Amino acid sequence: MIMEAAMAVQPYLQARPFPPSGPAPTGNIRLPTGGKGDCLAYIPHHYQVSSPLPMVLLLHGAGGSASEGMALLQDYADEPGLILVAPASTGRTWDIIFEREYGSDLALIDTVLEHMFREYAIDTGHVGIGGFSDGASYALTLGLANGDLFSHILAYSPGFIGPITARGDPQIFISHGNDDEVLPVQQCSRNIVRRLTAFEYRLVYEEFDGAHVIPRDVADASVRWFISGNAGR
């Protein structure tokens, strides 16, 4: 299934979950991934290798940082219990937007995921990718291209879906403010939702009164949706 005009290089990730070798650190962690910026993770303190936890890869908006990506769902890490991982883009935003091709950030994300899958027990039915603004666009792009890896996509105020050939059948949560002047909802999420609905993806769309933000109740709803595993509240 082609969502956009195909490119020579597709954004396919190689990392896959497999049983970790033993205990690993919990709490706030800076990952040894070798990127230009910080790559951060948070592991709930109650994590045990015998009890896999859901994980969400979080992508910041343009000009943002790993800590801003982490902040998207940081309040939910310990309760209900999520492993969070947040890389920083190698440029001012993600490669397909900044470089007009998949490359540096795709490789970085693969490295980050490989590290997390090697060190931690992940619930393979709840491997999410999410982001805000440019990060939401990249999350949709990578999530749809790697729907055989990502079970869920959480896109807060996305602008577009990059050129991909889609794989798998991820569930999708999209939110957008109806007064967004940065990425206007009519050209962005409403158009994206129409296209994804035509392809019969399992999708929840939350349009709210507001601007280019993630309201607390929308974040709450997206986490409940992700944890429940249902394509609805």
Foldseek 3Di string as FASTA:
>chain_A
DWPDPADPDALEADAAADQADAADDAAKDFDPLPAPATKIKHFAPPAHSVDAAAEEEFEEAFQDAQVRRCVLCVVCCHVVHYIYIGHYDNDRHHCCVVVVDDDDVSVSVNSVSNVPSHHHRHDQLHHEYEYAESSLQVQQQHCQQPVVRHQEYEHEAYQHHDTHDGDHAHEYEYEAECAEPVRHCVNGVVVVVVSVVVVVHLYHYHYHHDYRDQDPVNSVQVVVCSVVSHSHD
